[in-house]
C-alpha atoms as a PDB file:
ATOM      1  CA  MET A   1      73.773   8.568   8.029  1.00  0.00           C
ATOM      2  CA  ILE A   2      70.539   6.938   7.159  1.00  0.00           C
ATOM      3  CA  VAL A   3      67.283   7.958   8.819  1.00  0.00           C
ATOM      4  CA  LYS A   4      63.718   6.796   8.495  1.00  0.00           C
ATOM      5  CA  ILE A   5      60.864   9.363   8.183  1.00  0.00           C
ATOM      6  CA  TRP A   6      57.165   8.507   8.275  1.00  0.00           C
ATOM      7  CA  ALA A   7      53.839  10.174   9.019  1.00  0.00           C
ATOM      8  CA  GLN A   8      52.388   9.305  12.427  1.00  0.00           C
ATOM      9  CA  GLY A   9      48.917   8.842  11.065  1.00  0.00           C
ATOM     10  CA  SER A  10      46.851   9.564   7.893  1.00  0.00           C
ATOM     11  CA  LYS A  11      45.512  12.845   9.284  1.00  0.00           C
ATOM     12  CA  SER A  12      48.606  13.824  11.289  1.00  0.00           C
ATOM     13  CA  LYS A  13      50.730  16.825  10.306  1.00  0.00           C
ATOM     14  CA  SER A  14      53.699  15.525  12.358  1.00  0.00           C
ATOM     15  CA  LEU A  15      56.470  13.184  11.156  1.00  0.00           C
ATOM     16  CA  CYS A  16      58.449  10.606  12.970  1.00  0.00           C
ATOM     17  CA  ILE A  17      62.183  10.242  12.458  1.00  0.00           C
ATOM     18  CA  THR A  18      64.336   7.262  13.459  1.00  0.00           C
ATOM     19  CA  PHE A  19      67.937   8.054  13.877  1.00  0.00           C
ATOM     20  CA  PRO A  20      70.746   5.414  14.242  1.00  0.00           C
ATOM     21  CA  LYS A  21      71.529   4.252  17.787  1.00  0.00           C
ATOM     22  CA  LYS A  22      75.059   5.655  17.903  1.00  0.00           C
ATOM     23  CA  PHE A  23      73.882   9.063  16.783  1.00  0.00           C
ATOM     24  CA  CYS A  24      71.164   9.184  19.494  1.00  0.00           C
ATOM     25  CA  GLU A  25      73.788   8.114  22.126  1.00  0.00           C
ATOM     26  CA  LYS A  26      76.014  11.057  21.147  1.00  0.00           C
ATOM     27  CA  LEU A  27      73.032  13.384  21.603  1.00  0.00           C
ATOM     28  CA  GLY A  28      72.094  11.727  24.949  1.00  0.00           C
ATOM     29  CA  LEU A  29      68.625  10.737  23.519  1.00  0.00           C
ATOM     30  CA  GLU A  30      66.764   7.685  24.755  1.00  0.00           C
ATOM     31  CA  LYS A  31      64.214   5.605  22.917  1.00  0.00           C
ATOM     32  CA  GLY A  32      61.023   7.542  22.460  1.00  0.00           C
ATOM     33  CA  SER A  33      62.606  10.944  22.883  1.00  0.00           C
ATOM     34  CA  TYR A  34      61.216  14.071  21.206  1.00  0.00           C
ATOM     35  CA  VAL A  35      63.457  16.343  19.210  1.00  0.00           C
ATOM     36  CA  MET A  36      62.700  19.713  17.635  1.00  0.00           C
ATOM     37  CA  VAL A  37      64.028  19.902  14.039  1.00  0.00           C
ATOM     38  CA  ILE A  38      64.926  23.337  12.730  1.00  0.00           C
ATOM     39  CA  LEU A  39      65.957  23.914   9.228  1.00  0.00           C
ATOM     40  CA  GLU A  40      68.246  26.932   8.585  1.00  0.00           C
ATOM     41  CA  ASP A  41      69.653  27.431   5.133  1.00  0.00           C
ATOM     42  CA  ASP A  42      71.643  24.237   4.508  1.00  0.00           C
ATOM     43  CA  LYS A  43      71.697  23.134   8.161  1.00  0.00           C
ATOM     44  CA  MET A  44      69.505  20.977  10.296  1.00  0.00           C
ATOM     45  CA  ILE A  45      69.499  21.814  14.039  1.00  0.00           C
ATOM     46  CA  LEU A  46      68.224  19.210  16.465  1.00  0.00           C
ATOM     47  CA  LYS A  47      67.092  20.271  19.940  1.00  0.00           C
ATOM     48  CA  PRO A  48      66.085  17.565  22.387  1.00  0.00           C
ATOM     49  CA  LEU A  49      62.735  18.347  24.121  1.00  0.00           C
ATOM     50  CA  LYS A  50      61.606  17.350  27.593  1.00  0.00           C
ATOM     51  CA  ILE A  51      57.940  16.399  27.524  1.00  0.00           C
ATOM     52  CA  ASN A  52      56.177  16.257  30.953  1.00  0.00           C
ATOM     53  CA  ASP A  53      53.442  13.649  31.180  1.00  0.00           C
ATOM     54  CA  GLN A  54      50.517  15.027  33.059  1.00  0.00           C
END
């Protein structure tokens, strides 16, 4: 799997990751979704987040 990672802005501490479409479909993610990325030992855990716009 190939992913693209880039910084959101020059002063931002967050990174953006683009996953392949089929991978996102398996996770039930839509375009513009937020995902928490947790690194544990040699594993990467992805947890979809629900962001409420207020």
